[in-house]
Structure formats: structure tokens, C-alpha cells
Amino acid sequence: MTFREDESQIYAEDGAKNIALFRRALLNLIKAHPLKDSVAGKMMRAGWDSQFRAEILFGQKPTKV
């Protein structure tokens, strides 16, 4: 229940299947990121930091500032 699926308001059969597929793909990307943190921690950080979110979604390397 990483993405609070029980609170989802999607009732259409195809819509629920599509969102479930999208959630599984995102979960796999989050787990594959090399940062040593929990899945919940990575999700929270991705919500706060657009650079970290880009690293997860697009596989971008972190840039040195």
C-alpha cells in the first residue's frame, strides 16, 4: 500500500488496471535508484526535490553545484 491504493477513487475497470501498471512501474524505478533509503523516504524526497525526481524518472546523474 505504498501509493494509498485503498483510497483511490478510480472505479472504471480499465482505469484501475492502467493506474496499477503505472504504479508498479514507478515502484520499480524507485527501488532501482542506488540511494540507500527506504521506498517511502525516496518517494518523499522525490516529492520535495525536482532534481531527485528527475534522477528517478529519467535516470539523470546528479549534477555538482
PDB file of N, CA and C in Angstrom:
ATOM      1  N   MET A   1       0.837  -1.176   0.000  1.00  0.00           N
ATOM      2  CA  MET A   1       0.000   0.000   0.000  1.00  0.00           C
ATOM      3  C   MET A   1       0.886   1.245   0.000  1.00  0.00           C
ATOM      4  N   THR A   2       1.844   1.274  -0.866  1.00  0.00           N
ATOM      5  CA  THR A   2       2.795   2.371  -0.945  1.00  0.00           C
ATOM      6  C   THR A   2       2.147   3.649  -1.456  1.00  0.00           C
ATOM      7  N   PHE A   3       1.261   3.530  -2.415  1.00  0.00           N
ATOM      8  CA  PHE A   3       0.647   4.700  -3.033  1.00  0.00           C
ATOM      9  C   PHE A   3      -0.780   4.958  -2.529  1.00  0.00           C
ATOM     10  N   ARG A   4      -1.160   4.384  -1.393  1.00  0.00           N
ATOM     11  CA  ARG A   4      -2.503   4.530  -0.806  1.00  0.00           C
ATOM     12  C   ARG A   4      -3.586   4.071  -1.792  1.00  0.00           C
ATOM     13  N   GLU A   5      -3.408   2.897  -2.331  1.00  0.00           N
ATOM     14  CA  GLU A   5      -4.334   2.372  -3.320  1.00  0.00           C
ATOM     15  C   GLU A   5      -5.748   2.223  -2.776  1.00  0.00           C
ATOM     16  N   ASP A   6      -5.886   1.964  -1.484  1.00  0.00           N
ATOM     17  CA  ASP A   6      -7.223   1.788  -0.905  1.00  0.00           C
ATOM     18  C   ASP A   6      -8.041   3.075  -0.934  1.00  0.00           C
ATOM     19  N   GLU A   7      -7.384   4.229  -1.012  1.00  0.00           N
ATOM     20  CA  GLU A   7      -8.081   5.500  -1.039  1.00  0.00           C
ATOM     21  C   GLU A   7      -8.374   5.976  -2.464  1.00  0.00           C
ATOM     22  N   SER A   8      -8.017   5.186  -3.456  1.00  0.00           N
ATOM     23  CA  SER A   8      -8.198   5.567  -4.848  1.00  0.00           C
ATOM     24  C   SER A   8      -9.680   5.651  -5.203  1.00  0.00           C
ATOM     25  N   GLN A   9     -10.028   6.641  -6.011  1.00  0.00           N
ATOM     26  CA  GLN A   9     -11.412   6.848  -6.438  1.00  0.00           C
ATOM     27  C   GLN A   9     -11.644   6.371  -7.870  1.00  0.00           C
ATOM     28  N   ILE A  10     -10.772   5.515  -8.378  1.00  0.00           N
ATOM     29  CA  ILE A  10     -10.895   5.025  -9.752  1.00  0.00           C
ATOM     30  C   ILE A  10     -11.776   3.778  -9.736  1.00  0.00           C
ATOM     31  N   TYR A  11     -12.906   3.854 -10.438  1.00  0.00           N
ATOM     32  CA  TYR A  11     -13.845   2.741 -10.437  1.00  0.00           C
ATOM     33  C   TYR A  11     -13.941   2.037 -11.783  1.00  0.00           C
ATOM     34  N   ALA A  12     -13.555   2.697 -12.843  1.00  0.00           N
ATOM     35  CA  ALA A  12     -13.603   2.069 -14.157  1.00  0.00           C
ATOM     36  C   ALA A  12     -12.595   0.933 -14.202  1.00  0.00           C
ATOM     37  N   GLU A  13     -12.991  -0.201 -14.759  1.00  0.00           N
ATOM     38  CA  GLU A  13     -12.134  -1.381 -14.764  1.00  0.00           C
ATOM     39  C   GLU A  13     -10.811  -1.129 -15.491  1.00  0.00           C
ATOM     40  N   ASP A  14     -10.875  -0.537 -16.678  1.00  0.00           N
ATOM     41  CA  ASP A  14      -9.653  -0.278 -17.434  1.00  0.00           C
ATOM     42  C   ASP A  14      -8.788   0.777 -16.757  1.00  0.00           C
ATOM     43  N   GLY A  15      -9.404   1.783 -16.175  1.00  0.00           N
ATOM     44  CA  GLY A  15      -8.658   2.831 -15.496  1.00  0.00           C
ATOM     45  C   GLY A  15      -7.875   2.282 -14.321  1.00  0.00           C
ATOM     46  N   ALA A  16      -8.487   1.415 -13.543  1.00  0.00           N
ATOM     47  CA  ALA A  16      -7.811   0.824 -12.390  1.00  0.00           C
ATOM     48  C   ALA A  16      -6.622  -0.031 -12.834  1.00  0.00           C
ATOM     49  N   LYS A  17      -6.782  -0.768 -13.919  1.00  0.00           N
ATOM     50  CA  LYS A  17      -5.681  -1.588 -14.431  1.00  0.00           C
ATOM     51  C   LYS A  17      -4.535  -0.717 -14.934  1.00  0.00           C
ATOM     52  N   ASN A  18      -4.865   0.366 -15.619  1.00  0.00           N
ATOM     53  CA  ASN A  18      -3.835   1.257 -16.153  1.00  0.00           C
ATOM     54  C   ASN A  18      -3.062   1.936 -15.022  1.00  0.00           C
ATOM     55  N   ILE A  19      -3.760   2.415 -14.015  1.00  0.00           N
ATOM     56  CA  ILE A  19      -3.096   3.080 -12.896  1.00  0.00           C
ATOM     57  C   ILE A  19      -2.240   2.076 -12.119  1.00  0.00           C
ATOM     58  N   ALA A  20      -2.713   0.849 -11.963  1.00  0.00           N
ATOM     59  CA  ALA A  20      -1.930  -0.178 -11.268  1.00  0.00           C
ATOM     60  C   ALA A  20      -0.627  -0.465 -12.021  1.00  0.00           C
ATOM     61  N   LEU A  21      -0.691  -0.513 -13.336  1.00  0.00           N
ATOM     62  CA  LEU A  21       0.511  -0.728 -14.144  1.00  0.00           C
ATOM     63  C   LEU A  21       1.488   0.438 -13.969  1.00  0.00           C
ATOM     64  N   PHE A  22       0.980   1.660 -14.003  1.00  0.00           N
ATOM     65  CA  PHE A  22       1.805   2.849 -13.826  1.00  0.00           C
ATOM     66  C   PHE A  22       2.454   2.861 -12.441  1.00  0.00           C
ATOM     67  N   ARG A  23       1.703   2.494 -11.413  1.00  0.00           N
ATOM     68  CA  ARG A  23       2.232   2.457 -10.047  1.00  0.00           C
ATOM     69  C   ARG A  23       3.337   1.414  -9.900  1.00  0.00           C
ATOM     70  N   ARG A  24       3.145   0.250 -10.509  1.00  0.00           N
ATOM     71  CA  ARG A  24       4.178  -0.790 -10.440  1.00  0.00           C
ATOM     72  C   ARG A  24       5.459  -0.343 -11.135  1.00  0.00           C
ATOM     73  N   ALA A  25       5.311   0.338 -12.272  1.00  0.00           N
ATOM     74  CA  ALA A  25       6.493   0.831 -12.992  1.00  0.00           C
ATOM     75  C   ALA A  25       7.234   1.870 -12.150  1.00  0.00           C
ATOM     76  N   LEU A  26       6.511   2.778 -11.521  1.00  0.00           N
ATOM     77  CA  LEU A  26       7.151   3.775 -10.663  1.00  0.00           C
ATOM     78  C   LEU A  26       7.822   3.136  -9.463  1.00  0.00           C
ATOM     79  N   LEU A  27       7.183   2.149  -8.881  1.00  0.00           N
ATOM     80  CA  LEU A  27       7.768   1.465  -7.734  1.00  0.00           C
ATOM     81  C   LEU A  27       9.079   0.780  -8.124  1.00  0.00           C
ATOM     82  N   ASN A  28       9.117   0.186  -9.305  1.00  0.00           N
ATOM     83  CA  ASN A  28      10.354  -0.444  -9.788  1.00  0.00           C
ATOM     84  C   ASN A  28      11.456   0.583 -10.013  1.00  0.00           C
ATOM     85  N   LEU A  29      11.106   1.765 -10.553  1.00  0.00           N
ATOM     86  CA  LEU A  29      12.100   2.816 -10.744  1.00  0.00           C
ATOM     87  C   LEU A  29      12.639   3.315  -9.404  1.00  0.00           C
ATOM     88  N   ILE A  30      11.759   3.469  -8.429  1.00  0.00           N
ATOM     89  CA  ILE A  30      12.174   3.933  -7.104  1.00  0.00           C
ATOM     90  C   ILE A  30      13.095   2.914  -6.450  1.00  0.00           C
ATOM     91  N   LYS A  31      12.750   1.650  -6.532  1.00  0.00           N
ATOM     92  CA  LYS A  31      13.578   0.601  -5.922  1.00  0.00           C
ATOM     93  C   LYS A  31      14.925   0.470  -6.621  1.00  0.00           C
ATOM     94  N   ALA A  32      14.978   0.762  -7.908  1.00  0.00           N
ATOM     95  CA  ALA A  32      16.224   0.619  -8.667  1.00  0.00           C
ATOM     96  C   ALA A  32      17.197   1.768  -8.422  1.00  0.00           C
ATOM     97  N   HIS A  33      16.744   2.869  -7.859  1.00  0.00           N
ATOM     98  CA  HIS A  33      17.640   4.011  -7.610  1.00  0.00           C
ATOM     99  C   HIS A  33      18.676   3.609  -6.566  1.00  0.00           C
ATOM    100  N   PRO A  34      19.947   3.967  -6.770  1.00  0.00           N
ATOM    101  CA  PRO A  34      21.023   3.479  -5.898  1.00  0.00           C
ATOM    102  C   PRO A  34      21.070   4.100  -4.498  1.00  0.00           C
ATOM    103  N   LEU A  35      20.311   5.128  -4.214  1.00  0.00           N
ATOM    104  CA  LEU A  35      20.321   5.744  -2.891  1.00  0.00           C
ATOM    105  C   LEU A  35      19.884   4.728  -1.841  1.00  0.00           C
ATOM    106  N   LYS A  36      20.636   4.636  -0.756  1.00  0.00           N
ATOM    107  CA  LYS A  36      20.316   3.707   0.328  1.00  0.00           C
ATOM    108  C   LYS A  36      19.318   4.360   1.271  1.00  0.00           C
ATOM    109  N   ASP A  37      18.051   4.253   0.945  1.00  0.00           N
ATOM    110  CA  ASP A  37      16.964   4.803   1.746  1.00  0.00           C
ATOM    111  C   ASP A  37      15.744   3.926   1.515  1.00  0.00           C
ATOM    112  N   SER A  38      14.748   4.077   2.351  1.00  0.00           N
ATOM    113  CA  SER A  38      13.528   3.291   2.192  1.00  0.00           C
ATOM    114  C   SER A  38      12.739   3.792   0.983  1.00  0.00           C
ATOM    115  N   VAL A  39      11.809   2.984   0.521  1.00  0.00           N
ATOM    116  CA  VAL A  39      10.960   3.380  -0.594  1.00  0.00           C
ATOM    117  C   VAL A  39      10.158   4.617  -0.206  1.00  0.00           C
ATOM    118  N   ALA A  40       9.615   4.632   1.005  1.00  0.00           N
ATOM    119  CA  ALA A  40       8.845   5.789   1.460  1.00  0.00           C
ATOM    120  C   ALA A  40       9.725   7.033   1.524  1.00  0.00           C
ATOM    121  N   GLY A  41      10.958   6.877   1.964  1.00  0.00           N
ATOM    122  CA  GLY A  41      11.878   8.009   2.035  1.00  0.00           C
ATOM    123  C   GLY A  41      12.216   8.546   0.651  1.00  0.00           C
ATOM    124  N   LYS A  42      12.426   7.646  -0.293  1.00  0.00           N
ATOM    125  CA  LYS A  42      12.715   8.074  -1.663  1.00  0.00           C
ATOM    126  C   LYS A  42      11.509   8.777  -2.279  1.00  0.00           C
ATOM    127  N   MET A  43      10.305   8.279  -1.997  1.00  0.00           N
ATOM    128  CA  MET A  43       9.095   8.914  -2.524  1.00  0.00           C
ATOM    129  C   MET A  43       8.930  10.315  -1.943  1.00  0.00           C
ATOM    130  N   MET A  44       9.174  10.454  -0.647  1.00  0.00           N
ATOM    131  CA  MET A  44       9.051  11.752  -0.010  1.00  0.00           C
ATOM    132  C   MET A  44      10.082  12.732  -0.591  1.00  0.00           C
ATOM    133  N   ARG A  45      11.309  12.267  -0.749  1.00  0.00           N
ATOM    134  CA  ARG A  45      12.359  13.124  -1.293  1.00  0.00           C
ATOM    135  C   ARG A  45      12.044  13.515  -2.740  1.00  0.00           C
ATOM    136  N   ALA A  46      11.494  12.589  -3.520  1.00  0.00           N
ATOM    137  CA  ALA A  46      11.128  12.897  -4.905  1.00  0.00           C
ATOM    138  C   ALA A  46      10.019  13.944  -4.962  1.00  0.00           C
ATOM    139  N   GLY A  47       9.147  13.947  -3.967  1.00  0.00           N
ATOM    140  CA  GLY A  47       8.108  14.963  -3.909  1.00  0.00           C
ATOM    141  C   GLY A  47       8.651  16.338  -3.581  1.00  0.00           C
ATOM    142  N   TRP A  48       9.747  16.398  -2.843  1.00  0.00           N
ATOM    143  CA  TRP A  48      10.331  17.672  -2.429  1.00  0.00           C
ATOM    144  C   TRP A  48      11.361  18.204  -3.407  1.00  0.00           C
ATOM    145  N   ASP A  49      12.127  17.322  -4.028  1.00  0.00           N
ATOM    146  CA  ASP A  49      13.298  17.723  -4.804  1.00  0.00           C
ATOM    147  C   ASP A  49      13.104  17.349  -6.275  1.00  0.00           C
ATOM    148  N   SER A  50      12.993  18.358  -7.133  1.00  0.00           N
ATOM    149  CA  SER A  50      12.752  18.081  -8.556  1.00  0.00           C
ATOM    150  C   SER A  50      13.958  17.411  -9.219  1.00  0.00           C
ATOM    151  N   GLN A  51      15.158  17.717  -8.763  1.00  0.00           N
ATOM    152  CA  GLN A  51      16.358  17.077  -9.315  1.00  0.00           C
ATOM    153  C   GLN A  51      16.368  15.581  -9.002  1.00  0.00           C
ATOM    154  N   PHE A  52      16.026  15.220  -7.766  1.00  0.00           N
ATOM    155  CA  PHE A  52      15.968  13.814  -7.382  1.00  0.00           C
ATOM    156  C   PHE A  52      14.862  13.089  -8.156  1.00  0.00           C
ATOM    157  N   ARG A  53      13.738  13.772  -8.347  1.00  0.00           N
ATOM    158  CA  ARG A  53      12.636  13.191  -9.126  1.00  0.00           C
ATOM    159  C   ARG A  53      13.087  12.911 -10.551  1.00  0.00           C
ATOM    160  N   ALA A  54      13.869  13.827 -11.140  1.00  0.00           N
ATOM    161  CA  ALA A  54      14.386  13.612 -12.497  1.00  0.00           C
ATOM    162  C   ALA A  54      15.358  12.442 -12.526  1.00  0.00           C
ATOM    163  N   GLU A  55      16.159  12.283 -11.468  1.00  0.00           N
ATOM    164  CA  GLU A  55      17.070  11.140 -11.395  1.00  0.00           C
ATOM    165  C   GLU A  55      16.291   9.836 -11.425  1.00  0.00           C
ATOM    166  N   ILE A  56      15.192   9.770 -10.704  1.00  0.00           N
ATOM    167  CA  ILE A  56      14.394   8.544 -10.654  1.00  0.00           C
ATOM    168  C   ILE A  56      13.684   8.303 -11.988  1.00  0.00           C
ATOM    169  N   LEU A  57      13.019   9.317 -12.499  1.00  0.00           N
ATOM    170  CA  LEU A  57      12.193   9.136 -13.702  1.00  0.00           C
ATOM    171  C   LEU A  57      13.004   8.983 -14.974  1.00  0.00           C
ATOM    172  N   PHE A  58      14.070   9.781 -15.116  1.00  0.00           N
ATOM    173  CA  PHE A  58      14.794   9.835 -16.384  1.00  0.00           C
ATOM    174  C   PHE A  58      16.183   9.239 -16.305  1.00  0.00           C
ATOM    175  N   GLY A  59      16.609   8.818 -15.110  1.00  0.00           N
ATOM    176  CA  GLY A  59      17.925   8.236 -14.962  1.00  0.00           C
ATOM    177  C   GLY A  59      19.049   9.234 -15.070  1.00  0.00           C
ATOM    178  N   GLN A  60      18.755  10.511 -14.830  1.00  0.00           N
ATOM    179  CA  GLN A  60      19.785  11.545 -14.900  1.00  0.00           C
ATOM    180  C   GLN A  60      20.742  11.419 -13.735  1.00  0.00           C
ATOM    181  N   LYS A  61      21.990  11.698 -14.006  1.00  0.00           N
ATOM    182  CA  LYS A  61      23.014  11.708 -12.974  1.00  0.00           C
ATOM    183  C   LYS A  61      22.923  13.009 -12.179  1.00  0.00           C
ATOM    184  N   PRO A  62      23.219  12.960 -10.896  1.00  0.00           N
ATOM    185  CA  PRO A  62      23.203  14.211 -10.131  1.00  0.00           C
ATOM    186  C   PRO A  62      24.285  15.161 -10.621  1.00  0.00           C
ATOM    187  N   THR A  63      23.942  16.446 -10.679  1.00  0.00           N
ATOM    188  CA  THR A  63      24.907  17.452 -11.117  1.00  0.00           C
ATOM    189  C   THR A  63      25.567  18.094  -9.921  1.00  0.00           C
ATOM    190  N   LYS A  64      26.831  18.411 -10.058  1.00  0.00           N
ATOM    191  CA  LYS A  64      27.578  19.078  -8.990  1.00  0.00           C
ATOM    192  C   LYS A  64      27.337  20.574  -9.086  1.00  0.00           C
ATOM    193  N   VAL A  65      27.033  21.187  -7.965  1.00  0.00           N
ATOM    194  CA  VAL A  65      26.788  22.634  -7.951  1.00  0.00           C
ATOM    195  C   VAL A  65      27.913  23.326  -7.245  1.00  0.00           C
TER     196      VAL A  65
END
